[in-house]
Amino acid sequence: MALVNPHPALKVSVPMNPMVDGWMGDDWFHNGAFRQQNMPYIYEQDGSRTNDYHWWTSNYDDYDMFMEAGSAGELGKRRGLEQTGFWRKILEHPSYDSFWREQAVDKILGKEPLKVPVMLVQSLWDQEDIYGAIAVYKAIEPKDTNNDRVFLVMGPWHHGQEIGDGSTLGALKFHSDTALYFRQHILRPFLDHYLKDDAPKSDVAPVSAFETGTNEWRRLNSWPSGCDRGCTVKATPVYLNPGLKLSFQSTAGMYNGGASASEEYVSDPAKPVPFRSRPIKPTGYDTCDQWPCWLVDDQREASGRPDVLAFKSDVLTEPVKISGQPTVNLFASTSGTDSDWVVKVIDVYPDEVTGDAKMGGYQLAVSMDIFRGRYRESLETPKPIAANEPLLYRWSLPTANHVFLPGHRIMIQVQSSWFPLYDRNPQTFVPNMFWARRGDYKPATQRIYHLPGKASFVELPLVVPR
């Protein structure tokens, strides 16, 4: 916020994991789906000026607590949360209206002149604000005509991990302290350059991007670029083909009635898909299994459920590198009148991993997010979905900088709930989902299509030679 009409004394700004747009993809919503596990944070931050009032849990497993309440609005009502002003604003503005648009910091800074050098720090597995830093970079980087005022750093961290130990993240091991490297070799010389009169000239690259998979830092001139020279980033479709096959070639044109036109599953709000293995502990930072590391959890449990589709590629014989934001193009139908769609881009490890047996067969989510179907046509004006009609749902996933190594596979998972991280979609259209009644929650048959002209795919930002 200090970059908005900055004070003359401000010499440099380093926003780390900034919360930028609370509706599009940071703390409060993601593409219209409400992040109800942040309700304790709202309760404690707004309950008093001194954080005297603490959220309490009625169950050992958060999954049970949210299920018993029904809707997020009902749980907030039971806890007295409507006494806080911000919660009332959440309830009043479930869609992307002017309340959210006019406080989106990327949109505000996009209209501001670039007066202060900026280093934006993005965590590739930021469980809270994975949207913000990249959004601001997109908004202000075009103003940096000499490519020497706007800098971007991306590291393999959870929210805020760049100021702690960055040698591991959950089950992932990086074989170096990536956070210490950032502080010593990127942040320190950058700040010295702008804040010390006798500092040597900074040699920090415009973009410092840690490449997961190979576990190496890359110095880049721009983002997304993928490498320092000799390559480009090309949006390349990977298709969700019949038989749960994933391939860079579509087999939709081969459909002759012998293969199914779609893959299907039943999404039942009475049994929503957990966003991580149960029991799901209350939000906290004491241990990795509380909250910070869920984005790197093994996705095998989800892929084995009947209400999750898992499209898997053949074993890779060459490395596949992606740099940027994957874009979902999902042709899908629901038997209900509303639906959520969750899509995950996953790196499936070989059955055996030398020197790290626990990673054998691991399913690492590289980029994943949710989209609330009622906003397919308009983010501000929700509309019922036409039942059983194949429709296109298109949205962007979070930024990745990852190499799928030879011997690995690429997987795309599709599901319709992600609970209790996000509130349940009743799959029956209601004006305001915060006040959905128990009778509104109904099972729905979901279909993902792979027909000519209606072939579902994910555009991967593939790094290829020029």
Protein backbone atom coordinates (compact mmCIF):
# COMPACT_ATOMS: atom_id res chain seq x y z
CA MET A 1 0.00 0.00 0.00
CA ALA A 2 2.98 2.30 0.52
CA LEU A 3 3.43 2.29 -3.27
CA VAL A 4 0.15 4.15 -3.71
CA ASN A 5 1.17 7.82 -3.95
CA PRO A 6 4.44 6.95 -2.15
CA HIS A 7 6.03 9.18 0.46
CA PRO A 8 9.19 10.91 -0.86
CA ALA A 9 11.25 9.14 1.82
CA LEU A 10 10.36 5.68 0.47
CA LYS A 11 13.45 4.45 -1.37
CA VAL A 12 12.55 0.85 -2.14
CA SER A 13 9.70 -1.60 -1.56
CA VAL A 14 9.80 -5.38 -1.05
CA PRO A 15 6.24 -6.78 -0.81
CA MET A 16 6.49 -10.41 0.33
CA ASN A 17 3.48 -12.63 -0.35
CA PRO A 18 1.14 -9.62 -0.58
CA MET A 19 -2.62 -9.96 -0.22
CA VAL A 20 -3.79 -8.11 -3.32
CA ASP A 21 -7.24 -9.25 -4.44
CA GLY A 22 -9.32 -10.97 -1.76
CA TRP A 23 -11.89 -12.31 -4.23
CA MET A 24 -9.90 -13.44 -7.26
CA GLY A 25 -7.29 -15.59 -5.57
CA ASP A 26 -5.96 -14.49 -2.20
CA ASP A 27 -7.34 -14.81 1.34
CA TRP A 28 -11.12 -14.74 1.18
CA PHE A 29 -12.27 -16.27 -2.12
CA HIS A 30 -10.79 -18.05 -5.11
CA ASN A 31 -12.78 -17.46 -8.30
CA GLY A 32 -15.96 -17.12 -6.24
CA ALA A 33 -15.49 -20.06 -3.85
CA PHE A 34 -15.28 -18.92 -0.22
CA ARG A 35 -12.24 -19.98 1.83
CA GLN A 36 -14.14 -20.80 4.99
CA GLN A 37 -11.10 -22.05 6.90
CA ASN A 38 -10.09 -18.39 7.21
CA MET A 39 -13.14 -17.70 9.39
CA PRO A 40 -11.08 -18.13 12.60
CA TYR A 41 -8.66 -15.48 11.33
CA ILE A 42 -11.51 -13.02 10.72
CA TYR A 43 -12.96 -13.81 14.15
CA GLU A 44 -9.70 -13.19 16.00
CA GLN A 45 -8.50 -10.19 13.99
CA ASP A 46 -11.84 -8.36 14.17
CA GLY A 47 -13.11 -9.57 17.55
CA SER A 48 -11.06 -6.99 19.47
CA ARG A 49 -8.16 -4.63 18.92
CA THR A 50 -5.95 -6.78 21.15
CA ASN A 51 -6.90 -10.25 19.86
CA ASP A 52 -8.54 -11.16 23.16
CA TYR A 53 -11.28 -13.28 21.61
CA HIS A 54 -10.23 -16.65 20.23
CA TRP A 55 -12.06 -18.96 17.86
CA TRP A 56 -12.80 -22.32 19.38
CA THR A 57 -13.13 -25.71 17.78
CA SER A 58 -16.01 -28.02 18.64
CA ASN A 59 -14.42 -31.04 16.91
CA TYR A 60 -11.00 -32.61 16.63
CA ASP A 61 -11.49 -32.67 12.85
CA ASP A 62 -12.38 -29.38 11.13
CA TYR A 63 -14.16 -31.41 8.45
CA ASP A 64 -16.78 -32.46 11.01
CA MET A 65 -17.16 -28.96 12.45
CA PHE A 66 -17.96 -27.37 9.08
CA MET A 67 -20.19 -30.26 8.01
CA GLU A 68 -22.32 -30.06 11.15
CA ALA A 69 -22.95 -26.34 10.68
CA GLY A 70 -24.09 -26.76 7.08
CA SER A 71 -23.22 -23.44 5.41
CA ALA A 72 -20.44 -21.00 6.24
CA GLY A 73 -23.05 -18.36 7.01
CA GLU A 74 -24.72 -20.62 9.56
CA LEU A 75 -21.39 -21.39 11.27
CA GLY A 76 -20.61 -17.68 11.47
CA LYS A 77 -24.05 -17.03 12.95
CA ARG A 78 -23.52 -19.69 15.61
CA ARG A 79 -20.20 -18.12 16.59
CA GLY A 80 -21.51 -14.55 16.72
CA LEU A 81 -19.28 -13.53 13.82
CA GLU A 82 -21.90 -11.13 12.46
CA GLN A 83 -20.90 -8.74 15.25
CA THR A 84 -17.76 -7.98 13.21
CA GLY A 85 -17.97 -5.50 10.35
CA PHE A 86 -15.76 -7.37 7.89
CA TRP A 87 -17.75 -10.60 8.16
CA ARG A 88 -20.92 -8.65 7.37
CA LYS A 89 -19.17 -7.29 4.28
CA ILE A 90 -18.23 -10.84 3.23
CA LEU A 91 -21.86 -11.93 3.56
CA GLU A 92 -23.09 -8.93 1.59
CA HIS A 93 -20.58 -9.26 -1.26
CA PRO A 94 -20.22 -12.90 -2.34
CA SER A 95 -19.63 -11.84 -5.98
CA TYR A 96 -16.93 -9.75 -7.66
CA ASP A 97 -18.67 -6.41 -7.39
CA SER A 98 -17.25 -2.90 -6.88
CA PHE A 99 -16.54 -3.65 -3.21
CA TRP A 100 -13.82 -6.10 -4.29
CA ARG A 101 -12.72 -4.52 -7.58
CA GLU A 102 -12.07 -1.09 -6.08
CA GLN A 103 -9.77 -2.43 -3.35
CA ALA A 104 -7.77 -4.75 -5.66
CA VAL A 105 -4.24 -3.42 -5.23
CA ASP A 106 -3.01 -4.58 -8.65
CA LYS A 107 -5.75 -2.54 -10.32
CA ILE A 108 -4.91 0.49 -8.15
CA LEU A 109 -1.16 0.28 -8.84
CA GLY A 110 -1.83 -0.25 -12.54
CA LYS A 111 -3.09 3.34 -12.61
CA GLU A 112 -0.18 4.74 -10.58
CA PRO A 113 3.13 6.00 -11.99
CA LEU A 114 6.12 3.82 -11.12
CA LYS A 115 8.14 5.94 -8.67
CA VAL A 116 9.84 3.40 -6.38
CA PRO A 117 11.97 0.32 -7.20
CA VAL A 118 10.03 -2.81 -6.26
CA MET A 119 11.00 -6.42 -5.54
CA LEU A 120 7.94 -8.68 -5.45
CA VAL A 121 8.45 -11.97 -3.59
CA GLN A 122 6.22 -14.89 -4.55
CA SER A 123 6.02 -18.29 -2.85
CA LEU A 124 5.27 -21.02 -5.40
CA TRP A 125 3.23 -22.89 -2.76
CA ASP A 126 1.72 -19.94 -0.90
CA GLN A 127 -1.30 -21.43 0.86
CA GLU A 128 -2.78 -17.98 1.57
CA ASP A 129 -1.87 -15.38 -1.06
CA ILE A 130 -0.69 -17.20 -4.16
CA TYR A 131 -2.35 -14.69 -6.48
CA GLY A 132 -1.13 -11.29 -5.31
CA ALA A 133 2.56 -10.90 -6.19
CA ILE A 134 2.13 -12.12 -9.78
CA ALA A 135 -0.94 -9.90 -10.26
CA VAL A 136 1.01 -6.82 -9.17
CA TYR A 137 3.96 -7.81 -11.35
CA LYS A 138 1.68 -8.00 -14.39
CA ALA A 139 0.21 -4.60 -13.53
CA ILE A 140 3.42 -2.63 -13.00
CA GLU A 141 6.13 -4.40 -15.02
CA PRO A 142 5.06 -2.78 -18.33
CA LYS A 143 5.91 0.61 -16.75
CA ASP A 144 9.53 -0.52 -16.23
CA THR A 145 10.75 0.46 -19.69
CA ASN A 146 14.44 -0.01 -18.84
CA ASN A 147 13.87 -3.31 -16.98
CA ASP A 148 15.67 -2.03 -13.88
CA ARG A 149 12.90 -0.96 -11.48
CA VAL A 150 10.57 -3.96 -11.10
CA PHE A 151 12.04 -7.23 -9.82
CA LEU A 152 10.40 -10.60 -9.18
CA VAL A 153 11.57 -13.45 -6.94
CA MET A 154 9.85 -16.86 -6.90
CA GLY A 155 10.90 -19.47 -4.36
CA PRO A 156 9.75 -22.97 -3.30
CA TRP A 157 8.07 -21.79 -0.12
CA HIS A 158 4.83 -21.58 1.79
CA HIS A 159 3.50 -18.18 2.87
CA GLY A 160 6.34 -16.27 4.54
CA GLN A 161 8.84 -19.14 4.48
CA GLU A 162 11.43 -16.92 2.75
CA ILE A 163 12.28 -15.43 6.17
CA GLY A 164 12.74 -18.87 7.77
CA ASP A 165 14.33 -22.19 6.84
CA GLY A 166 13.84 -22.97 3.15
CA SER A 167 15.61 -26.32 2.87
CA THR A 168 12.40 -28.38 2.87
CA LEU A 169 8.68 -27.97 2.34
CA GLY A 170 6.61 -30.88 3.61
CA ALA A 171 8.02 -34.00 1.95
CA LEU A 172 10.07 -31.96 -0.55
CA LYS A 173 13.80 -31.58 -0.06
CA PHE A 174 15.71 -28.92 -1.99
CA HIS A 175 19.28 -29.87 -0.94
CA SER A 176 20.02 -26.27 0.06
CA ASP A 177 18.48 -23.55 2.20
CA THR A 178 16.65 -21.70 -0.55
CA ALA A 179 15.36 -19.01 1.81
CA LEU A 180 18.84 -18.26 3.16
CA TYR A 181 20.12 -18.03 -0.42
CA PHE A 182 17.37 -15.52 -1.20
CA ARG A 183 18.16 -13.36 1.81
CA GLN A 184 21.94 -13.41 1.31
CA HIS A 185 22.32 -13.32 -2.47
CA ILE A 186 19.18 -11.53 -3.68
CA LEU A 187 17.51 -9.46 -0.95
CA ARG A 188 20.64 -8.15 0.84
CA PRO A 189 22.49 -6.82 -2.24
CA PHE A 190 19.22 -5.39 -3.59
CA LEU A 191 18.54 -3.42 -0.39
CA ASP A 192 22.19 -2.41 -0.02
CA HIS A 193 22.13 -0.94 -3.53
CA TYR A 194 19.22 1.37 -2.73
CA LEU A 195 19.82 2.09 0.96
CA LYS A 196 23.61 2.35 1.37
CA ASP A 197 25.72 5.10 -0.15
CA ASP A 198 28.86 2.97 -0.42
CA ALA A 199 27.25 -0.29 -1.58
CA PRO A 200 28.55 -1.99 -4.72
CA LYS A 201 26.31 -2.03 -7.77
CA SER A 202 23.62 -4.68 -7.49
CA ASP A 203 23.85 -7.69 -9.79
CA VAL A 204 20.36 -8.97 -8.99
CA ALA A 205 18.53 -10.27 -12.06
CA PRO A 206 15.15 -8.78 -13.01
CA VAL A 207 13.65 -12.20 -12.27
CA SER A 208 15.10 -14.77 -9.85
CA ALA A 209 13.07 -17.95 -10.24
CA PHE A 210 13.67 -21.20 -8.40
CA GLU A 211 13.02 -24.10 -10.77
CA THR A 212 11.33 -26.96 -8.93
CA GLY A 213 12.02 -30.46 -10.17
CA THR A 214 15.66 -29.64 -10.94
CA ASN A 215 15.95 -27.55 -7.74
CA GLU A 216 18.02 -24.77 -9.29
CA TRP A 217 17.82 -20.97 -9.27
CA ARG A 218 17.41 -19.29 -12.66
CA ARG A 219 18.38 -15.72 -13.50
CA LEU A 220 15.92 -14.34 -16.04
CA ASN A 221 15.31 -11.03 -17.78
CA SER A 222 11.51 -11.29 -17.73
CA TRP A 223 8.60 -13.48 -16.66
CA PRO A 224 7.41 -15.80 -17.95
CA SER A 225 10.46 -16.65 -20.04
CA GLY A 226 11.60 -20.04 -18.77
CA CYS A 227 15.30 -19.63 -19.51
CA ASP A 228 17.85 -16.88 -19.99
CA ARG A 229 18.24 -17.36 -23.76
CA GLY A 230 17.31 -19.58 -26.69
CA CYS A 231 13.79 -20.53 -25.60
CA THR A 232 10.26 -19.22 -25.39
CA VAL A 233 7.05 -20.07 -23.54
CA LYS A 234 4.28 -21.52 -25.68
CA ALA A 235 0.75 -22.19 -24.43
CA THR A 236 0.40 -25.88 -25.26
CA PRO A 237 -2.79 -27.91 -24.72
CA VAL A 238 -2.59 -31.19 -22.82
CA TYR A 239 -5.84 -33.06 -23.45
CA LEU A 240 -8.13 -34.95 -21.07
CA ASN A 241 -8.68 -37.91 -23.39
CA PRO A 242 -10.98 -40.97 -23.18
CA GLY A 243 -9.98 -43.68 -20.75
CA LEU A 244 -8.51 -41.10 -18.32
CA LYS A 245 -5.53 -40.67 -20.64
CA LEU A 246 -3.58 -37.41 -20.71
CA SER A 247 -1.70 -36.45 -23.86
CA PHE A 248 -0.47 -33.50 -25.89
CA GLN A 249 -2.49 -34.98 -28.76
CA SER A 250 -6.28 -34.99 -28.67
CA THR A 251 -8.05 -38.26 -29.47
CA ALA A 252 -11.46 -36.55 -29.60
CA GLY A 253 -11.48 -36.77 -33.40
CA MET A 254 -11.27 -40.55 -33.13
CA TYR A 255 -14.60 -40.72 -31.33
CA ASN A 256 -16.88 -43.04 -33.32
CA GLY A 257 -19.41 -44.11 -30.75
CA GLY A 258 -17.25 -46.90 -29.43
CA ALA A 259 -15.65 -44.75 -26.76
CA SER A 260 -17.48 -42.67 -24.23
CA ALA A 261 -18.03 -39.00 -25.07
CA SER A 262 -17.21 -38.07 -21.48
CA GLU A 263 -15.89 -39.21 -18.14
CA GLU A 264 -18.29 -38.87 -15.24
CA TYR A 265 -18.55 -38.97 -11.47
CA VAL A 266 -21.15 -38.20 -8.82
CA SER A 267 -20.42 -35.22 -6.59
CA ASP A 268 -22.26 -35.59 -3.28
CA PRO A 269 -22.25 -32.58 -0.91
CA ALA A 270 -22.89 -35.01 1.94
CA LYS A 271 -19.44 -36.52 1.29
CA PRO A 272 -17.25 -33.67 -0.03
CA VAL A 273 -13.67 -34.37 -1.10
CA PRO A 274 -11.25 -33.38 1.71
CA PHE A 275 -8.55 -30.92 0.68
CA ARG A 276 -6.05 -32.98 2.68
CA SER A 277 -5.98 -36.23 4.65
CA ARG A 278 -8.24 -36.33 7.67
CA PRO A 279 -8.34 -35.50 10.50
CA ILE A 280 -7.98 -31.90 9.35
CA LYS A 281 -6.46 -29.85 12.13
CA PRO A 282 -7.48 -26.25 12.93
CA THR A 283 -5.55 -23.58 11.08
CA GLY A 284 -2.20 -22.87 12.70
CA TYR A 285 1.53 -22.60 12.03
CA ASP A 286 3.00 -24.80 14.76
CA THR A 287 3.57 -27.80 12.48
CA CYS A 288 3.53 -28.48 8.76
CA ASP A 289 0.46 -30.71 9.03
CA GLN A 290 -1.60 -27.89 10.54
CA TRP A 291 -1.79 -25.44 7.63
CA PRO A 292 1.42 -24.20 5.95
CA CYS A 293 2.18 -27.23 3.76
CA TRP A 294 -1.15 -28.51 2.45
CA LEU A 295 -0.39 -27.36 -1.11
CA VAL A 296 2.40 -29.96 -1.35
CA ASP A 297 0.41 -32.81 0.23
CA ASP A 298 0.46 -36.13 -1.63
CA GLN A 299 -2.63 -36.19 -3.88
CA ARG A 300 -2.90 -40.01 -4.02
CA GLU A 301 -5.78 -40.14 -1.57
CA ALA A 302 -7.85 -37.87 -3.81
CA SER A 303 -6.95 -39.71 -7.01
CA GLY A 304 -8.30 -42.96 -5.53
CA ARG A 305 -11.78 -41.57 -4.82
CA PRO A 306 -14.72 -42.33 -7.16
CA ASP A 307 -15.67 -38.62 -7.20
CA VAL A 308 -12.26 -37.50 -8.52
CA LEU A 309 -11.12 -38.01 -12.12
CA ALA A 310 -7.38 -38.54 -12.59
CA PHE A 311 -6.08 -38.23 -16.18
CA LYS A 312 -2.52 -39.53 -16.44
CA SER A 313 0.13 -39.30 -19.15
CA ASP A 314 2.53 -42.00 -20.25
CA VAL A 315 5.92 -42.07 -18.55
CA LEU A 316 7.96 -39.12 -19.79
CA THR A 317 11.10 -39.86 -21.76
CA GLU A 318 12.18 -36.20 -21.95
CA PRO A 319 11.94 -33.36 -19.42
CA VAL A 320 8.86 -31.14 -19.70
CA LYS A 321 9.23 -27.63 -18.30
CA ILE A 322 6.43 -25.18 -17.57
CA SER A 323 6.92 -21.52 -16.64
CA GLY A 324 3.84 -19.39 -16.06
CA GLN A 325 0.15 -19.94 -15.39
CA PRO A 326 -1.66 -23.01 -16.74
CA THR A 327 -5.10 -22.20 -18.16
CA VAL A 328 -8.04 -24.57 -17.73
CA ASN A 329 -10.41 -25.17 -20.65
CA LEU A 330 -12.98 -27.54 -19.21
CA PHE A 331 -16.01 -28.67 -21.20
CA ALA A 332 -18.23 -29.97 -18.44
CA SER A 333 -21.84 -30.55 -17.51
CA THR A 334 -23.70 -31.05 -14.26
CA SER A 335 -27.12 -32.49 -13.54
CA GLY A 336 -27.55 -29.71 -10.96
CA THR A 337 -27.91 -25.97 -11.48
CA ASP A 338 -24.63 -24.91 -9.85
CA SER A 339 -21.25 -26.55 -9.49
CA ASP A 340 -17.65 -26.08 -8.41
CA TRP A 341 -14.75 -27.30 -10.52
CA VAL A 342 -11.33 -28.04 -9.04
CA VAL A 343 -8.44 -28.73 -11.42
CA LYS A 344 -4.95 -29.82 -10.35
CA VAL A 345 -1.74 -30.12 -12.39
CA ILE A 346 0.28 -32.87 -10.71
CA ASP A 347 3.78 -34.33 -11.03
CA VAL A 348 3.58 -38.10 -10.46
CA TYR A 349 6.91 -39.45 -9.23
CA PRO A 350 8.28 -42.86 -10.28
CA ASP A 351 7.35 -45.83 -8.10
CA GLU A 352 10.88 -45.83 -6.70
CA VAL A 353 12.94 -42.71 -6.00
CA THR A 354 16.62 -43.32 -5.33
CA GLY A 355 17.70 -42.01 -1.96
CA ASP A 356 14.21 -40.91 -0.93
CA ALA A 357 11.92 -43.93 -0.59
CA LYS A 358 9.03 -41.87 0.80
CA MET A 359 8.70 -40.02 -2.51
CA GLY A 360 8.01 -43.22 -4.45
CA GLY A 361 4.79 -42.67 -6.42
CA TYR A 362 4.26 -39.26 -4.79
CA GLN A 363 1.66 -37.06 -6.46
CA LEU A 364 2.91 -33.47 -6.11
CA ALA A 365 0.47 -30.71 -6.99
CA VAL A 366 2.36 -28.13 -9.05
CA SER A 367 -0.60 -25.81 -9.68
CA MET A 368 -4.25 -26.14 -8.67
CA ASP A 369 -7.32 -24.02 -8.03
CA ILE A 370 -11.11 -23.88 -7.90
CA PHE A 371 -13.77 -22.13 -9.98
CA ARG A 372 -17.39 -21.57 -8.90
CA GLY A 373 -19.59 -22.41 -11.88
CA ARG A 374 -22.23 -19.74 -11.28
CA TYR A 375 -19.65 -17.17 -12.41
CA ARG A 376 -18.98 -18.75 -15.81
CA GLU A 377 -20.61 -15.87 -17.70
CA SER A 378 -20.04 -13.01 -15.24
CA LEU A 379 -17.96 -12.68 -12.09
CA GLU A 380 -20.33 -10.03 -10.76
CA THR A 381 -23.69 -11.55 -11.67
CA PRO A 382 -24.12 -15.24 -10.76
CA LYS A 383 -26.43 -17.32 -12.91
CA PRO A 384 -27.84 -20.85 -12.68
CA ILE A 385 -26.11 -23.44 -14.83
CA ALA A 386 -28.17 -25.13 -17.53
CA ALA A 387 -28.48 -28.72 -16.31
CA ASN A 388 -26.81 -31.51 -18.35
CA GLU A 389 -25.46 -29.10 -20.96
CA PRO A 390 -21.75 -29.23 -21.88
CA LEU A 391 -20.38 -25.74 -21.20
CA LEU A 392 -16.89 -24.25 -21.31
CA TYR A 393 -15.28 -23.22 -18.03
CA ARG A 394 -12.04 -21.29 -18.53
CA TRP A 395 -9.78 -19.89 -15.80
CA SER A 396 -6.11 -19.57 -14.88
CA LEU A 397 -4.26 -21.61 -12.29
CA PRO A 398 -1.44 -20.25 -10.08
CA THR A 399 2.03 -19.63 -11.47
CA ALA A 400 4.46 -22.54 -11.65
CA ASN A 401 8.13 -22.91 -12.59
CA HIS A 402 8.58 -26.66 -12.71
CA VAL A 403 10.29 -29.43 -14.63
CA PHE A 404 8.57 -32.80 -14.97
CA LEU A 405 11.60 -35.08 -15.14
CA PRO A 406 12.05 -38.20 -17.30
CA GLY A 407 10.51 -41.20 -15.57
CA HIS A 408 7.73 -39.04 -14.10
CA ARG A 409 4.17 -38.63 -15.38
CA ILE A 410 1.88 -35.61 -15.68
CA MET A 411 -1.55 -35.92 -14.11
CA ILE A 412 -4.63 -33.69 -14.23
CA GLN A 413 -7.21 -34.23 -11.48
CA VAL A 414 -10.78 -32.90 -11.66
CA GLN A 415 -13.25 -32.82 -8.77
CA SER A 416 -16.18 -30.70 -7.54
CA SER A 417 -15.45 -30.08 -3.85
CA TRP A 418 -12.39 -29.18 -1.78
CA PHE A 419 -13.57 -29.27 1.80
CA PRO A 420 -13.47 -27.69 4.32
CA LEU A 421 -10.98 -25.27 2.75
CA TYR A 422 -13.83 -24.03 0.56
CA ASP A 423 -17.51 -23.95 1.44
CA ARG A 424 -19.64 -26.64 -0.17
CA ASN A 425 -21.53 -25.82 -3.35
CA PRO A 426 -25.11 -27.10 -2.81
CA GLN A 427 -25.20 -27.88 -6.56
CA THR A 428 -28.63 -26.27 -6.53
CA PHE A 429 -28.55 -22.59 -7.47
CA VAL A 430 -29.33 -20.30 -4.53
CA PRO A 431 -29.04 -16.49 -4.55
CA ASN A 432 -26.44 -16.38 -1.77
CA MET A 433 -24.54 -19.56 -0.94
CA PHE A 434 -23.77 -18.35 2.58
CA TRP A 435 -27.41 -19.03 3.41
CA ALA A 436 -27.94 -22.32 1.59
CA ARG A 437 -30.34 -24.58 3.51
CA ARG A 438 -29.75 -28.26 4.18
CA GLY A 439 -32.36 -29.23 1.59
CA ASP A 440 -30.48 -27.29 -1.11
CA TYR A 441 -27.48 -29.66 -0.99
CA LYS A 442 -28.02 -32.39 -3.57
CA PRO A 443 -25.84 -34.93 -5.39
CA ALA A 444 -25.08 -34.21 -9.04
CA THR A 445 -23.67 -36.19 -11.94
CA GLN A 446 -20.66 -34.38 -13.39
CA ARG A 447 -19.31 -35.06 -16.88
CA ILE A 448 -16.01 -33.98 -18.44
CA TYR A 449 -16.18 -34.08 -22.23
CA HIS A 450 -13.67 -35.04 -24.90
CA LEU A 451 -15.64 -34.58 -28.12
CA PRO A 452 -14.54 -32.82 -31.33
CA GLY A 453 -15.11 -29.13 -30.70
CA LYS A 454 -15.69 -29.86 -27.01
CA ALA A 455 -12.40 -31.40 -25.97
CA SER A 456 -11.31 -30.54 -22.43
CA PHE A 457 -7.68 -29.52 -22.00
CA VAL A 458 -5.28 -27.53 -19.86
CA GLU A 459 -2.97 -25.08 -21.60
CA LEU A 460 0.46 -25.57 -20.10
CA PRO A 461 3.01 -22.72 -20.40
CA LEU A 462 5.54 -25.02 -22.05
CA VAL A 463 9.16 -23.89 -22.35
CA VAL A 464 10.34 -24.75 -25.88
CA PRO A 465 13.33 -23.79 -28.10
CA ARG A 466 12.88 -20.68 -30.21
